[in-house]
Amino acid sequence: MAYVTVRRRELTFAERLYLPSILKGMAHTLKHFVGAGGRAGVTMQYPEEKWQLPSFYRGVPSLVKDADGRGKCVACSLCEYVCPPRAISIVPKSIEGVVEKAPEVFDIDMLRCIFCGYCEEVCPEEAIFMSKEYEICGETREELVFHKERLYEIGATLGADAGVPDAERKWAKLAREQGEQGVTGG
């Protein structure tokens, strides 16, 4: 097999000493140290300063409540089904009223979640949203399994109906439809 020998260029005396490169690096560091580096605040002072997140950022998934304080999730398990890493687990329970069931257990394993947003897209009740929260930490694996209560806490930062204007009120809509059909709610 044929091959080509590539000749490297010879280094100059100054390049072999490395001293000019070291001095240039130190001068650059000194410029930033005294504030003449061209832009103020090269280092972000986290946690006092926070990132300005873009509008399309997908952070921690959260559950939201409607304006009346009722959970919007009806435990249809679509988000559990569509979740690629199987990070969501739901155990439904029967409830009295217009909607037949609600989640008894709604857990998201944040160690497995890949923040894809499929759960938000597939939810027919607009009960789960991707928040702007990106600071999650824990000392054990159990602390990073977010239960229903924790997900509602995160969702409370988004506001009622996650700030969606004129959000469809599933409870009122179902009660109205049942009334039109002559069915009385339990």
Protein backbone atom coordinates (compact mmCIF):
# COMPACT_ATOMS: atom_id res chain seq x y z
CA MET A 1 0.00 0.00 0.00
CA ALA A 2 1.38 3.41 -0.95
CA TYR A 3 1.64 6.21 1.51
CA VAL A 4 2.77 9.81 1.44
CA THR A 5 5.23 11.23 3.91
CA VAL A 6 4.13 14.65 5.11
CA ARG A 7 6.94 16.93 6.21
CA ARG A 8 6.24 19.26 9.08
CA ARG A 9 7.56 22.76 8.93
CA GLU A 10 10.48 23.59 11.12
CA LEU A 11 9.76 25.63 14.24
CA THR A 12 11.50 28.95 14.66
CA PHE A 13 13.75 29.58 17.62
CA ALA A 14 11.03 31.64 19.40
CA GLU A 15 8.44 28.91 18.82
CA ARG A 16 10.76 26.30 20.28
CA LEU A 17 11.18 28.40 23.44
CA TYR A 18 7.37 28.70 24.02
CA LEU A 19 8.10 31.95 25.88
CA PRO A 20 6.29 34.29 23.43
CA SER A 21 3.16 32.12 23.55
CA ILE A 22 3.22 32.06 27.35
CA LEU A 23 3.62 35.85 27.49
CA LYS A 24 0.76 36.37 25.03
CA GLY A 25 -1.50 34.14 27.15
CA MET A 26 -0.57 35.97 30.34
CA ALA A 27 -1.23 39.35 28.66
CA HIS A 28 -4.67 38.14 27.56
CA THR A 29 -5.44 36.95 31.10
CA LEU A 30 -4.24 40.27 32.55
CA LYS A 31 -6.56 42.19 30.19
CA HIS A 32 -9.56 40.25 31.50
CA PHE A 33 -8.36 40.60 35.07
CA VAL A 34 -8.30 44.42 34.91
CA GLY A 35 -11.55 44.59 32.92
CA ALA A 36 -10.24 45.68 29.54
CA GLY A 37 -11.13 42.39 27.88
CA GLY A 38 -13.69 43.94 25.57
CA ARG A 39 -16.83 42.82 27.39
CA ALA A 40 -17.83 43.27 30.99
CA GLY A 41 -18.54 40.28 33.16
CA VAL A 42 -16.92 37.36 31.40
CA THR A 43 -17.91 35.03 34.23
CA MET A 44 -21.55 34.66 35.26
CA GLN A 45 -21.98 34.95 39.02
CA TYR A 46 -24.21 31.89 39.45
CA PRO A 47 -26.55 31.48 41.43
CA GLU A 48 -27.03 35.24 41.86
CA GLU A 49 -27.18 35.64 38.09
CA LYS A 50 -29.40 33.31 36.07
CA TRP A 51 -29.36 32.41 32.40
CA GLN A 52 -31.82 34.15 30.11
CA LEU A 53 -33.58 31.10 28.69
CA PRO A 54 -35.06 31.13 25.18
CA SER A 55 -38.82 30.85 24.82
CA PHE A 56 -38.56 27.33 23.36
CA TYR A 57 -36.50 25.96 26.29
CA ARG A 58 -37.82 22.68 27.74
CA GLY A 59 -37.00 22.21 31.39
CA VAL A 60 -38.46 19.97 34.07
CA PRO A 61 -41.95 18.56 33.30
CA SER A 62 -44.65 19.78 35.67
CA LEU A 63 -48.33 19.17 36.36
CA VAL A 64 -50.68 22.14 36.43
CA LYS A 65 -54.05 22.86 37.99
CA ASP A 66 -56.92 24.80 36.51
CA ALA A 67 -58.05 28.22 37.73
CA ASP A 68 -60.30 26.55 40.33
CA GLY A 69 -57.34 24.66 41.83
CA ARG A 70 -58.30 21.23 40.49
CA GLY A 71 -55.70 18.96 38.91
CA LYS A 72 -56.15 18.78 35.16
CA CYS A 73 -54.68 15.28 34.75
CA VAL A 74 -57.26 12.54 34.10
CA ALA A 75 -54.76 9.64 34.25
CA CYS A 76 -55.22 8.72 30.59
CA SER A 77 -51.60 7.42 30.60
CA LEU A 78 -50.80 8.78 27.14
CA CYS A 79 -47.71 10.56 28.48
CA GLU A 80 -46.57 7.33 30.10
CA TYR A 81 -47.09 5.47 26.83
CA VAL A 82 -45.26 7.98 24.62
CA CYS A 83 -42.28 8.59 26.96
CA PRO A 84 -39.19 7.19 25.12
CA PRO A 85 -37.12 6.33 28.24
CA ARG A 86 -40.19 5.20 30.24
CA ALA A 87 -39.55 7.83 32.92
CA ILE A 88 -43.24 8.40 33.73
CA SER A 89 -45.36 6.03 35.80
CA ILE A 90 -49.06 6.57 36.52
CA VAL A 91 -51.46 4.63 38.72
CA PRO A 92 -55.06 5.81 38.13
CA LYS A 93 -57.82 5.89 40.72
CA SER A 94 -61.57 6.30 40.36
CA ILE A 95 -63.08 9.56 41.52
CA GLU A 96 -66.61 10.93 41.83
CA GLY A 97 -67.72 13.67 39.50
CA VAL A 98 -67.59 14.54 35.86
CA VAL A 99 -64.23 12.90 35.16
CA GLU A 100 -64.04 9.19 36.01
CA LYS A 101 -60.42 8.97 37.11
CA ALA A 102 -57.41 10.91 38.32
CA PRO A 103 -53.85 9.89 39.08
CA GLU A 104 -53.32 8.29 42.47
CA VAL A 105 -49.59 8.06 41.71
CA PHE A 106 -47.85 10.22 39.09
CA ASP A 107 -44.07 9.86 39.19
CA ILE A 108 -41.38 11.11 36.83
CA ASP A 109 -37.88 9.71 37.25
CA MET A 110 -35.74 12.76 36.47
CA LEU A 111 -32.66 10.56 36.08
CA ARG A 112 -34.32 8.93 33.07
CA CYS A 113 -36.20 11.94 31.66
CA ILE A 114 -34.62 13.26 28.45
CA PHE A 115 -36.69 16.49 28.37
CA CYS A 116 -38.06 15.67 24.91
CA GLY A 117 -41.45 17.30 25.51
CA TYR A 118 -43.49 14.41 24.06
CA CYS A 119 -45.54 14.22 27.26
CA GLU A 120 -46.58 17.85 26.85
CA GLU A 121 -47.46 17.42 23.19
CA VAL A 122 -49.58 14.29 23.64
CA CYS A 123 -51.57 15.42 26.71
CA PRO A 124 -55.22 15.91 25.64
CA GLU A 125 -56.09 17.85 28.79
CA GLU A 126 -53.08 20.22 28.76
CA ALA A 127 -52.20 18.98 32.24
CA ILE A 128 -48.44 18.59 31.82
CA PHE A 129 -46.07 21.32 30.69
CA MET A 130 -42.33 21.69 30.35
CA SER A 131 -41.28 24.38 32.82
CA LYS A 132 -38.24 26.66 32.62
CA GLU A 133 -36.78 24.98 35.73
CA TYR A 134 -33.31 23.56 35.11
CA GLU A 135 -31.88 23.34 38.62
CA ILE A 136 -32.58 19.83 39.83
CA CYS A 137 -30.33 18.03 42.25
CA GLY A 138 -30.49 15.38 44.90
CA GLU A 139 -28.24 13.27 47.07
CA THR A 140 -30.03 9.98 46.39
CA ARG A 141 -31.85 8.43 43.45
CA GLU A 142 -35.13 8.53 45.40
CA GLU A 143 -34.91 12.34 45.68
CA LEU A 144 -34.82 12.58 41.89
CA VAL A 145 -38.08 10.72 41.41
CA PHE A 146 -40.57 13.58 41.38
CA HIS A 147 -43.95 12.59 42.80
CA LYS A 148 -47.31 14.19 42.01
CA GLU A 149 -47.05 16.76 44.81
CA ARG A 150 -43.59 17.93 43.69
CA LEU A 151 -44.75 18.17 40.07
CA TYR A 152 -47.71 20.33 41.16
CA GLU A 153 -45.30 22.57 43.12
CA ILE A 154 -43.22 23.12 40.00
CA GLY A 155 -46.41 23.68 37.99
CA ALA A 156 -47.55 26.34 40.47
CA THR A 157 -44.66 28.52 39.28
CA LEU A 158 -46.24 28.52 35.80
CA GLY A 159 -49.57 29.76 37.15
CA ALA A 160 -53.09 28.43 36.68
CA ASP A 161 -53.47 26.56 33.38
CA ALA A 162 -49.72 27.19 32.89
CA GLY A 163 -50.51 30.73 31.80
CA VAL A 164 -52.36 29.58 28.69
CA PRO A 165 -54.94 32.27 27.91
CA ASP A 166 -58.53 31.04 27.53
CA ALA A 167 -57.55 27.48 28.45
CA GLU A 168 -60.31 24.96 27.93
CA ARG A 169 -62.00 24.14 31.22
CA LYS A 170 -62.41 20.38 31.00
CA TRP A 171 -64.66 20.18 34.07
CA ALA A 172 -67.02 22.89 32.88
CA LYS A 173 -67.04 21.56 29.31
CA LEU A 174 -67.86 18.00 30.41
CA ALA A 175 -70.55 19.17 32.82
CA ARG A 176 -72.10 21.31 30.05
CA GLU A 177 -72.01 18.41 27.57
CA GLN A 178 -73.60 16.07 30.11
CA GLY A 179 -76.28 18.63 30.83
CA GLU A 180 -77.04 18.97 27.14
CA GLN A 181 -77.37 15.20 26.88
CA GLY A 182 -79.56 15.00 29.96
CA VAL A 183 -77.00 13.05 32.02
CA THR A 184 -76.59 14.04 35.67
CA GLY A 185 -73.11 14.00 37.17
CA GLY A 186 -72.33 11.92 40.26
